């Protein structure tokens, strides 16, 4: 049954992705609103799928690469829906939703997790840790996307290419504003994720910090975003510089997520999660 909900969610997200792409070409609000409804329905189906996984495993469904990518996609879509309610920036969906769709496609091609899970993972602190971290990642995806959009729009203005695509993108001020808010909110969730992760590690391993490679790279990621938040708030960084640093920080974040889960880490490694691992 769980697979049925995921398949439904994947189909609806792909359908909405097509709708958002058509919207940016045709600029018809009816297409956008229909795509939003389809996306929201897919989000609900995906939520049910994750709830079933949690019920079956008794642990947050992020203990394999496939399940982590699925949860990441869910967080991206959830973050987009919240930001859409706040900013009503319709064209953002044409850039954000395809990213989530790609993650779901990759997730569907990777075998799922087994039924054996280390009991120590069944901790409320583990749930709090992975949930806040992934929500932060989803919000940072918005900051990354708006930074890319900013550079595209700025490039068109500098080259005086003020055609139809230029008119479809928001103003530089709007993109910079969304980038700023998404960085601040994402940083808050990343910080909460690190704090709850440290508390969980203390309960599970007897130490708040293990100097695991993924922990180190997460700290590097946190410092990068902390610098960016500080420079934006205290110094007043805006525009191109802030957009470029946002992109660099997100690339470090993705290296931490994939590198720590696949190659670098020990107890954070996807291959060790489950019966033979702690985190």
C-alpha atoms as a PDB file:
ATOM      1  CA  UNK A   1       0.000   0.000   0.000  1.00  0.00           C
ATOM      2  CA  UNK A   2       2.831   2.410   0.837  1.00  0.00           C
ATOM      3  CA  UNK A   3       4.285   2.021  -2.649  1.00  0.00           C
ATOM      4  CA  UNK A   4       0.918   2.888  -4.152  1.00  0.00           C
ATOM      5  CA  UNK A   5       0.908   6.229  -2.334  1.00  0.00           C
ATOM      6  CA  UNK A   6       4.466   6.980  -3.426  1.00  0.00           C
ATOM      7  CA  UNK A   7       3.692   6.074  -7.035  1.00  0.00           C
ATOM      8  CA  UNK A   8       0.638   8.322  -6.922  1.00  0.00           C
ATOM      9  CA  UNK A   9       2.695  11.130  -5.403  1.00  0.00           C
ATOM     10  CA  UNK A  10       5.409  10.732  -8.043  1.00  0.00           C
ATOM     11  CA  UNK A  11       2.869  10.804 -10.864  1.00  0.00           C
ATOM     12  CA  UNK A  12       1.174  13.918  -9.476  1.00  0.00           C
ATOM     13  CA  UNK A  13       4.455  15.731  -8.878  1.00  0.00           C
ATOM     14  CA  UNK A  14       5.585  14.941 -12.424  1.00  0.00           C
ATOM     15  CA  UNK A  15       2.219  16.120 -13.747  1.00  0.00           C
ATOM     16  CA  UNK A  16       2.462  19.352 -11.775  1.00  0.00           C
ATOM     17  CA  UNK A  17       6.046  19.818 -12.981  1.00  0.00           C
ATOM     18  CA  UNK A  18       4.791  19.727 -16.550  1.00  0.00           C
ATOM     19  CA  UNK A  19       2.101  22.235 -15.611  1.00  0.00           C
ATOM     20  CA  UNK A  20       4.593  24.642 -14.035  1.00  0.00           C
ATOM     21  CA  UNK A  21       6.812  24.438 -17.103  1.00  0.00           C
ATOM     22  CA  UNK A  22       3.837  25.157 -19.352  1.00  0.00           C
ATOM     23  CA  UNK A  23       2.913  28.064 -17.073  1.00  0.00           C
ATOM     24  CA  UNK A  24       6.291  29.786 -17.427  1.00  0.00           C
ATOM     25  CA  UNK A  25       5.900  29.505 -21.203  1.00  0.00           C
ATOM     26  CA  UNK A  26       2.224  30.397 -21.591  1.00  0.00           C
ATOM     27  CA  UNK A  27       1.817  32.597 -18.481  1.00  0.00           C
ATOM     28  CA  UNK A  28      -1.744  31.436 -17.886  1.00  0.00           C
ATOM     29  CA  UNK A  29      -2.825  31.624 -14.270  1.00  0.00           C
ATOM     30  CA  UNK A  30      -5.362  28.833 -14.718  1.00  0.00           C
ATOM     31  CA  UNK A  31      -2.551  26.418 -15.576  1.00  0.00           C
ATOM     32  CA  UNK A  32      -0.603  27.561 -12.524  1.00  0.00           C
ATOM     33  CA  UNK A  33      -3.540  27.138 -10.128  1.00  0.00           C
ATOM     34  CA  UNK A  34      -4.318  23.665 -11.510  1.00  0.00           C
ATOM     35  CA  UNK A  35      -0.647  22.715 -11.140  1.00  0.00           C
ATOM     36  CA  UNK A  36      -0.711  23.910  -7.520  1.00  0.00           C
ATOM     37  CA  UNK A  37      -3.759  21.774  -6.766  1.00  0.00           C
ATOM     38  CA  UNK A  38      -2.128  18.732  -8.362  1.00  0.00           C
ATOM     39  CA  UNK A  39       1.109  19.397  -6.465  1.00  0.00           C
ATOM     40  CA  UNK A  40      -0.695  19.759  -3.149  1.00  0.00           C
ATOM     41  CA  UNK A  41      -2.564  16.502  -3.773  1.00  0.00           C
ATOM     42  CA  UNK A  42       0.739  14.801  -4.539  1.00  0.00           C
ATOM     43  CA  UNK A  43       2.199  16.281  -1.352  1.00  0.00           C
ATOM     44  CA  UNK A  44      -0.653  14.788   0.686  1.00  0.00           C
ATOM     45  CA  UNK A  45      -0.141  11.392  -0.964  1.00  0.00           C
ATOM     46  CA  UNK A  46       3.581  11.609  -0.261  1.00  0.00           C
ATOM     47  CA  UNK A  47       2.835  12.539   3.363  1.00  0.00           C
ATOM     48  CA  UNK A  48       0.679   9.421   3.753  1.00  0.00           C
ATOM     49  CA  UNK A  49       3.466   7.317   2.243  1.00  0.00           C
ATOM     50  CA  UNK A  50       5.999   8.704   4.743  1.00  0.00           C
ATOM     51  CA  UNK A  51       3.571   8.172   7.634  1.00  0.00           C
ATOM     52  CA  UNK A  52       3.147   4.507   6.648  1.00  0.00           C
ATOM     53  CA  UNK A  53       6.918   4.106   6.402  1.00  0.00           C
ATOM     54  CA  UNK A  54       7.342   5.611   9.850  1.00  0.00           C
ATOM     55  CA  UNK A  55       4.651   3.319  11.244  1.00  0.00           C
ATOM     56  CA  UNK A  56       6.235   0.222   9.704  1.00  0.00           C
ATOM     57  CA  UNK A  57       9.831   1.048  10.668  1.00  0.00           C
ATOM     58  CA  UNK A  58       9.224   2.909  13.904  1.00  0.00           C
ATOM     59  CA  UNK A  59      11.884   5.401  12.852  1.00  0.00           C
ATOM     60  CA  UNK A  60      12.128   8.478  10.648  1.00  0.00           C
ATOM     61  CA  UNK A  61      12.175   7.202   7.025  1.00  0.00           C
ATOM     62  CA  UNK A  62      15.640   8.472   6.101  1.00  0.00           C
ATOM     63  CA  UNK A  63      17.870   5.459   6.771  1.00  0.00           C
ATOM     64  CA  UNK A  64      18.668   4.673   3.131  1.00  0.00           C
ATOM     65  CA  UNK A  65      19.645   6.887   0.229  1.00  0.00           C
ATOM     66  CA  UNK A  66      16.345   6.266  -1.528  1.00  0.00           C
ATOM     67  CA  UNK A  67      14.228   7.094   1.510  1.00  0.00           C
ATOM     68  CA  UNK A  68      16.390  10.135   2.323  1.00  0.00           C
ATOM     69  CA  UNK A  69      15.949  11.520  -1.199  1.00  0.00           C
ATOM     70  CA  UNK A  70      12.208  10.908  -0.943  1.00  0.00           C
ATOM     71  CA  UNK A  71      12.027  12.783   2.366  1.00  0.00           C
ATOM     72  CA  UNK A  72      14.215  15.563   0.950  1.00  0.00           C
ATOM     73  CA  UNK A  73      11.821  15.969  -1.992  1.00  0.00           C
ATOM     74  CA  UNK A  74       8.872  16.094   0.419  1.00  0.00           C
ATOM     75  CA  UNK A  75      10.575  18.847   2.424  1.00  0.00           C
ATOM     76  CA  UNK A  76      11.331  20.848  -0.731  1.00  0.00           C
ATOM     77  CA  UNK A  77       7.702  20.725  -1.842  1.00  0.00           C
ATOM     78  CA  UNK A  78       6.465  21.552   1.654  1.00  0.00           C
ATOM     79  CA  UNK A  79       8.841  24.520   1.879  1.00  0.00           C
ATOM     80  CA  UNK A  80       7.736  25.727  -1.556  1.00  0.00           C
ATOM     81  CA  UNK A  81       4.049  25.555  -0.628  1.00  0.00           C
ATOM     82  CA  UNK A  82       4.671  27.584   2.539  1.00  0.00           C
ATOM     83  CA  UNK A  83       6.750  30.177   0.683  1.00  0.00           C
ATOM     84  CA  UNK A  84       4.124  30.401  -2.040  1.00  0.00           C
ATOM     85  CA  UNK A  85       1.480  31.255   0.555  1.00  0.00           C
ATOM     86  CA  UNK A  86       3.788  33.973   1.925  1.00  0.00           C
ATOM     87  CA  UNK A  87       5.130  35.493  -1.306  1.00  0.00           C
ATOM     88  CA  UNK A  88       2.732  34.416  -4.089  1.00  0.00           C
ATOM     89  CA  UNK A  89       5.649  34.137  -6.501  1.00  0.00           C
ATOM     90  CA  UNK A  90       4.110  31.885  -9.117  1.00  0.00           C
ATOM     91  CA  UNK A  91       7.161  31.416 -11.315  1.00  0.00           C
ATOM     92  CA  UNK A  92       9.158  29.931  -8.403  1.00  0.00           C
ATOM     93  CA  UNK A  93       7.317  26.626  -8.823  1.00  0.00           C
ATOM     94  CA  UNK A  94       8.695  26.277 -12.344  1.00  0.00           C
ATOM     95  CA  UNK A  95      12.202  26.111 -10.868  1.00  0.00           C
ATOM     96  CA  UNK A  96      11.630  24.396  -7.514  1.00  0.00           C
ATOM     97  CA  UNK A  97       9.200  21.579  -8.321  1.00  0.00           C
ATOM     98  CA  UNK A  98      11.372  19.992 -11.071  1.00  0.00           C
ATOM     99  CA  UNK A  99      14.154  19.573  -8.488  1.00  0.00           C
ATOM    100  CA  UNK A 100      11.808  17.666  -6.190  1.00  0.00           C
ATOM    101  CA  UNK A 101      10.564  15.613  -9.143  1.00  0.00           C
ATOM    102  CA  UNK A 102      14.115  14.564 -10.062  1.00  0.00           C
ATOM    103  CA  UNK A 103      14.827  13.534  -6.463  1.00  0.00           C
ATOM    104  CA  UNK A 104      11.660  11.434  -6.399  1.00  0.00           C
ATOM    105  CA  UNK A 105      12.555   9.755  -9.693  1.00  0.00           C
ATOM    106  CA  UNK A 106      16.002   8.861  -8.371  1.00  0.00           C
ATOM    107  CA  UNK A 107      14.475   7.704  -5.090  1.00  0.00           C
ATOM    108  CA  UNK A 108      12.052   5.402  -6.928  1.00  0.00           C
ATOM    109  CA  UNK A 109      14.970   3.702  -8.712  1.00  0.00           C
ATOM    110  CA  UNK A 110      16.826   2.849  -5.482  1.00  0.00           C
ATOM    111  CA  UNK A 111      15.850  -0.207  -3.411  1.00  0.00           C
ATOM    112  CA  UNK A 112      14.049   0.582  -0.186  1.00  0.00           C
ATOM    113  CA  UNK A 113      15.170  -0.085   3.367  1.00  0.00           C
ATOM    114  CA  UNK A 114      14.885  -3.457   5.032  1.00  0.00           C
ATOM    115  CA  UNK A 115      12.650  -4.251   7.942  1.00  0.00           C
ATOM    116  CA  UNK A 116      15.490  -4.534  10.482  1.00  0.00           C
ATOM    117  CA  UNK A 117      16.277  -1.257  12.201  1.00  0.00           C
ATOM    118  CA  UNK A 118      18.579  -0.612  15.123  1.00  0.00           C
ATOM    119  CA  UNK A 119      16.304   0.000  18.133  1.00  0.00           C
ATOM    120  CA  UNK A 120      18.493   2.915  19.246  1.00  0.00           C
ATOM    121  CA  UNK A 121      17.238   4.852  16.210  1.00  0.00           C
ATOM    122  CA  UNK A 122      13.744   4.759  17.646  1.00  0.00           C
ATOM    123  CA  UNK A 123      14.301   7.917  19.634  1.00  0.00           C
ATOM    124  CA  UNK A 124      12.323  11.169  19.624  1.00  0.00           C
ATOM    125  CA  UNK A 125      15.639  13.029  19.456  1.00  0.00           C
ATOM    126  CA  UNK A 126      16.564  11.185  16.264  1.00  0.00           C
ATOM    127  CA  UNK A 127      13.208  12.132  14.751  1.00  0.00           C
ATOM    128  CA  UNK A 128      13.669  15.755  15.817  1.00  0.00           C
ATOM    129  CA  UNK A 129      17.214  15.760  14.436  1.00  0.00           C
ATOM    130  CA  UNK A 130      16.488  14.444  10.955  1.00  0.00           C
ATOM    131  CA  UNK A 131      13.213  16.368  10.613  1.00  0.00           C
ATOM    132  CA  UNK A 132      14.725  19.769  11.389  1.00  0.00           C
ATOM    133  CA  UNK A 133      17.821  19.083   9.295  1.00  0.00           C
ATOM    134  CA  UNK A 134      15.782  18.035   6.265  1.00  0.00           C
ATOM    135  CA  UNK A 135      13.336  20.916   6.588  1.00  0.00           C
ATOM    136  CA  UNK A 136      16.324  23.239   6.672  1.00  0.00           C
ATOM    137  CA  UNK A 137      17.680  21.543   3.545  1.00  0.00           C
ATOM    138  CA  UNK A 138      14.334  22.026   1.822  1.00  0.00           C
ATOM    139  CA  UNK A 139      14.311  25.738   2.655  1.00  0.00           C
ATOM    140  CA  UNK A 140      17.929  26.119   1.560  1.00  0.00           C
ATOM    141  CA  UNK A 141      16.883  24.649  -1.796  1.00  0.00           C
ATOM    142  CA  UNK A 142      14.647  27.696  -2.193  1.00  0.00           C
ATOM    143  CA  UNK A 143      17.551  30.031  -1.387  1.00  0.00           C
ATOM    144  CA  UNK A 144      19.685  28.185  -3.938  1.00  0.00           C
ATOM    145  CA  UNK A 145      16.983  28.362  -6.607  1.00  0.00           C
ATOM    146  CA  UNK A 146      16.245  32.049  -6.080  1.00  0.00           C
ATOM    147  CA  UNK A 147      19.995  32.743  -6.220  1.00  0.00           C
ATOM    148  CA  UNK A 148      20.164  31.017  -9.613  1.00  0.00           C
ATOM    149  CA  UNK A 149      17.130  32.998 -10.778  1.00  0.00           C
ATOM    150  CA  UNK A 150      18.759  36.203  -9.520  1.00  0.00           C
ATOM    151  CA  UNK A 151      21.927  35.598 -11.526  1.00  0.00           C
ATOM    152  CA  UNK A 152      19.902  34.770 -14.639  1.00  0.00           C
ATOM    153  CA  UNK A 153      17.807  37.916 -14.306  1.00  0.00           C
ATOM    154  CA  UNK A 154      20.826  40.098 -13.525  1.00  0.00           C
ATOM    155  CA  UNK A 155      22.649  38.708 -16.545  1.00  0.00           C
ATOM    156  CA  UNK A 156      19.722  39.557 -18.806  1.00  0.00           C
ATOM    157  CA  UNK A 157      19.577  43.102 -17.456  1.00  0.00           C
ATOM    158  CA  UNK A 158      23.331  43.654 -17.897  1.00  0.00           C
ATOM    159  CA  UNK A 159      23.205  42.353 -21.454  1.00  0.00           C
ATOM    160  CA  UNK A 160      19.991  44.307 -22.054  1.00  0.00           C
ATOM    161  CA  UNK A 161      18.155  41.164 -23.084  1.00  0.00           C
ATOM    162  CA  UNK A 162      14.756  42.348 -21.948  1.00  0.00           C
ATOM    163  CA  UNK A 163      12.651  39.857 -23.845  1.00  0.00           C
ATOM    164  CA  UNK A 164       9.828  37.554 -22.828  1.00  0.00           C
ATOM    165  CA  UNK A 165      11.901  35.441 -20.416  1.00  0.00           C
ATOM    166  CA  UNK A 166      13.067  38.571 -18.580  1.00  0.00           C
ATOM    167  CA  UNK A 167       9.449  39.588 -18.111  1.00  0.00           C
ATOM    168  CA  UNK A 168       8.563  36.146 -16.747  1.00  0.00           C
ATOM    169  CA  UNK A 169      11.095  36.363 -13.909  1.00  0.00           C
ATOM    170  CA  UNK A 170      10.538  38.476 -10.782  1.00  0.00           C
ATOM    171  CA  UNK A 171      12.488  41.647 -10.043  1.00  0.00           C
ATOM    172  CA  UNK A 172      15.961  41.416  -8.553  1.00  0.00           C
ATOM    173  CA  UNK A 173      14.647  42.972  -5.343  1.00  0.00           C
ATOM    174  CA  UNK A 174      11.954  40.298  -4.972  1.00  0.00           C
ATOM    175  CA  UNK A 175      14.388  37.458  -5.605  1.00  0.00           C
ATOM    176  CA  UNK A 176      16.908  38.914  -3.168  1.00  0.00           C
ATOM    177  CA  UNK A 177      14.198  39.265  -0.518  1.00  0.00           C
ATOM    178  CA  UNK A 178      13.067  35.636  -0.838  1.00  0.00           C
ATOM    179  CA  UNK A 179      16.693  34.520  -0.799  1.00  0.00           C
ATOM    180  CA  UNK A 180      17.268  36.434   2.442  1.00  0.00           C
ATOM    181  CA  UNK A 181      14.221  35.013   4.218  1.00  0.00           C
ATOM    182  CA  UNK A 182      14.889  31.457   3.081  1.00  0.00           C
ATOM    183  CA  UNK A 183      18.490  31.624   4.295  1.00  0.00           C
ATOM    184  CA  UNK A 184      17.443  32.904   7.725  1.00  0.00           C
ATOM    185  CA  UNK A 185      14.685  30.321   8.201  1.00  0.00           C
ATOM    186  CA  UNK A 186      16.840  27.520   6.804  1.00  0.00           C
ATOM    187  CA  UNK A 187      19.670  28.494   9.138  1.00  0.00           C
ATOM    188  CA  UNK A 188      17.324  28.309  12.136  1.00  0.00           C
ATOM    189  CA  UNK A 189      16.271  24.768  11.225  1.00  0.00           C
ATOM    190  CA  UNK A 190      19.871  23.728  10.510  1.00  0.00           C
ATOM    191  CA  UNK A 191      20.874  25.014  13.942  1.00  0.00           C
ATOM    192  CA  UNK A 192      18.024  23.131  15.607  1.00  0.00           C
ATOM    193  CA  UNK A 193      19.037  20.017  13.699  1.00  0.00           C
ATOM    194  CA  UNK A 194      22.599  20.233  14.982  1.00  0.00           C
ATOM    195  CA  UNK A 195      21.454  20.806  18.557  1.00  0.00           C
ATOM    196  CA  UNK A 196      18.995  17.901  18.546  1.00  0.00           C
ATOM    197  CA  UNK A 197      21.591  15.727  16.805  1.00  0.00           C
ATOM    198  CA  UNK A 198      24.099  16.477  19.574  1.00  0.00           C
ATOM    199  CA  UNK A 199      21.539  15.607  22.245  1.00  0.00           C
ATOM    200  CA  UNK A 200      20.695  12.363  20.458  1.00  0.00           C
ATOM    201  CA  UNK A 201      24.385  11.479  20.105  1.00  0.00           C
ATOM    202  CA  UNK A 202      24.874  12.071  23.830  1.00  0.00           C
ATOM    203  CA  UNK A 203      21.988   9.727  24.649  1.00  0.00           C
ATOM    204  CA  UNK A 204      23.021   7.066  22.133  1.00  0.00           C
ATOM    205  CA  UNK A 205      26.826   7.264  22.235  1.00  0.00           C
ATOM    206  CA  UNK A 206      27.631   9.067  25.445  1.00  0.00           C
ATOM    207  CA  UNK A 207      29.215  12.027  23.642  1.00  0.00           C
ATOM    208  CA  UNK A 208      27.793  15.152  22.029  1.00  0.00           C
ATOM    209  CA  UNK A 209      30.441  15.209  19.284  1.00  0.00           C
ATOM    210  CA  UNK A 210      32.243  12.315  17.567  1.00  0.00           C
ATOM    211  CA  UNK A 211      34.336  14.178  14.963  1.00  0.00           C
ATOM    212  CA  UNK A 212      32.660  12.032  12.330  1.00  0.00           C
ATOM    213  CA  UNK A 213      33.366  13.440   8.810  1.00  0.00           C
ATOM    214  CA  UNK A 214      29.697  14.255   8.282  1.00  0.00           C
ATOM    215  CA  UNK A 215      29.598  16.112  11.599  1.00  0.00           C
ATOM    216  CA  UNK A 216      32.650  18.113  10.560  1.00  0.00           C
ATOM    217  CA  UNK A 217      31.203  18.976   7.155  1.00  0.00           C
ATOM    218  CA  UNK A 218      27.872  19.864   8.737  1.00  0.00           C
ATOM    219  CA  UNK A 219      29.762  22.296  10.963  1.00  0.00           C
ATOM    220  CA  UNK A 220      31.485  23.732   7.877  1.00  0.00           C
ATOM    221  CA  UNK A 221      28.072  24.124   6.249  1.00  0.00           C
ATOM    222  CA  UNK A 222      26.674  25.793   9.375  1.00  0.00           C
ATOM    223  CA  UNK A 223      29.619  28.216   9.536  1.00  0.00           C
ATOM    224  CA  UNK A 224      29.116  29.113   5.879  1.00  0.00           C
ATOM    225  CA  UNK A 225      25.463  29.920   6.344  1.00  0.00           C
ATOM    226  CA  UNK A 226      26.174  31.648   9.689  1.00  0.00           C
ATOM    227  CA  UNK A 227      28.632  33.942   7.884  1.00  0.00           C
ATOM    228  CA  UNK A 228      26.076  34.642   5.183  1.00  0.00           C
ATOM    229  CA  UNK A 229      23.320  35.416   7.697  1.00  0.00           C
ATOM    230  CA  UNK A 230      25.664  37.711   9.624  1.00  0.00           C
ATOM    231  CA  UNK A 231      26.827  39.556   6.528  1.00  0.00           C
ATOM    232  CA  UNK A 232      23.274  40.006   5.307  1.00  0.00           C
ATOM    233  CA  UNK A 233      21.953  41.293   8.633  1.00  0.00           C
ATOM    234  CA  UNK A 234      24.933  43.167  10.039  1.00  0.00           C
ATOM    235  CA  UNK A 235      26.819  44.295   6.944  1.00  0.00           C
ATOM    236  CA  UNK A 236      23.940  44.492   4.489  1.00  0.00           C
ATOM    237  CA  UNK A 237      25.087  42.084   1.824  1.00  0.00           C
ATOM    238  CA  UNK A 238      22.637  42.009  -1.064  1.00  0.00           C
ATOM    239  CA  UNK A 239      22.394  41.063  -4.677  1.00  0.00           C
ATOM    240  CA  UNK A 240      24.998  39.164  -6.645  1.00  0.00           C
ATOM    241  CA  UNK A 241      27.450  38.564  -3.794  1.00  0.00           C
ATOM    242  CA  UNK A 242      24.770  37.103  -1.536  1.00  0.00           C
ATOM    243  CA  UNK A 243      23.431  34.979  -4.399  1.00  0.00           C
ATOM    244  CA  UNK A 244      26.874  33.538  -5.176  1.00  0.00           C
ATOM    245  CA  UNK A 245      27.589  32.701  -1.537  1.00  0.00           C
ATOM    246  CA  UNK A 246      24.132  31.085  -1.282  1.00  0.00           C
ATOM    247  CA  UNK A 247      24.992  28.814  -4.189  1.00  0.00           C
ATOM    248  CA  UNK A 248      28.400  27.902  -2.720  1.00  0.00           C
ATOM    249  CA  UNK A 249      26.871  27.114   0.682  1.00  0.00           C
ATOM    250  CA  UNK A 250      24.213  24.932  -0.916  1.00  0.00           C
ATOM    251  CA  UNK A 251      26.822  22.991  -2.890  1.00  0.00           C
ATOM    252  CA  UNK A 252      28.699  22.369   0.371  1.00  0.00           C
ATOM    253  CA  UNK A 253      25.396  21.275   1.919  1.00  0.00           C
ATOM    254  CA  UNK A 254      24.810  18.778  -0.898  1.00  0.00           C
ATOM    255  CA  UNK A 255      28.361  17.472  -0.585  1.00  0.00           C
ATOM    256  CA  UNK A 256      27.763  16.978   3.140  1.00  0.00           C
ATOM    257  CA  UNK A 257      24.454  15.214   2.503  1.00  0.00           C
ATOM    258  CA  UNK A 258      25.644  12.878  -0.257  1.00  0.00           C
ATOM    259  CA  UNK A 259      29.328  12.577   0.676  1.00  0.00           C
ATOM    260  CA  UNK A 260      28.603  11.925   4.334  1.00  0.00           C
ATOM    261  CA  UNK A 261      25.909   9.404   3.506  1.00  0.00           C
ATOM    262  CA  UNK A 262      27.752   7.527   0.759  1.00  0.00           C
ATOM    263  CA  UNK A 263      31.521   7.831   1.135  1.00  0.00           C
ATOM    264  CA  UNK A 264      32.977   9.837   4.006  1.00  0.00           C
ATOM    265  CA  UNK A 265      31.077   8.995   7.140  1.00  0.00           C
ATOM    266  CA  UNK A 266      31.050   6.013   9.468  1.00  0.00           C
ATOM    267  CA  UNK A 267      27.950   5.937  11.630  1.00  0.00           C
ATOM    268  CA  UNK A 268      26.190   8.517   9.439  1.00  0.00           C
ATOM    269  CA  UNK A 269      26.707   6.315   6.376  1.00  0.00           C
ATOM    270  CA  UNK A 270      23.604   4.962   4.653  1.00  0.00           C
ATOM    271  CA  UNK A 271      25.213   1.522   4.387  1.00  0.00           C
ATOM    272  CA  UNK A 272      25.547   1.383   8.170  1.00  0.00           C
ATOM    273  CA  UNK A 273      22.129   2.712   9.111  1.00  0.00           C
ATOM    274  CA  UNK A 274      19.838   0.059  10.469  1.00  0.00           C
ATOM    275  CA  UNK A 275      20.894  -3.043  12.300  1.00  0.00           C
ATOM    276  CA  UNK A 276      24.570  -2.204  12.449  1.00  0.00           C
ATOM    277  CA  UNK A 277      24.563   1.485  13.169  1.00  0.00           C
ATOM    278  CA  UNK A 278      23.569   4.146  15.624  1.00  0.00           C
ATOM    279  CA  UNK A 279      22.983   7.306  13.572  1.00  0.00           C
END
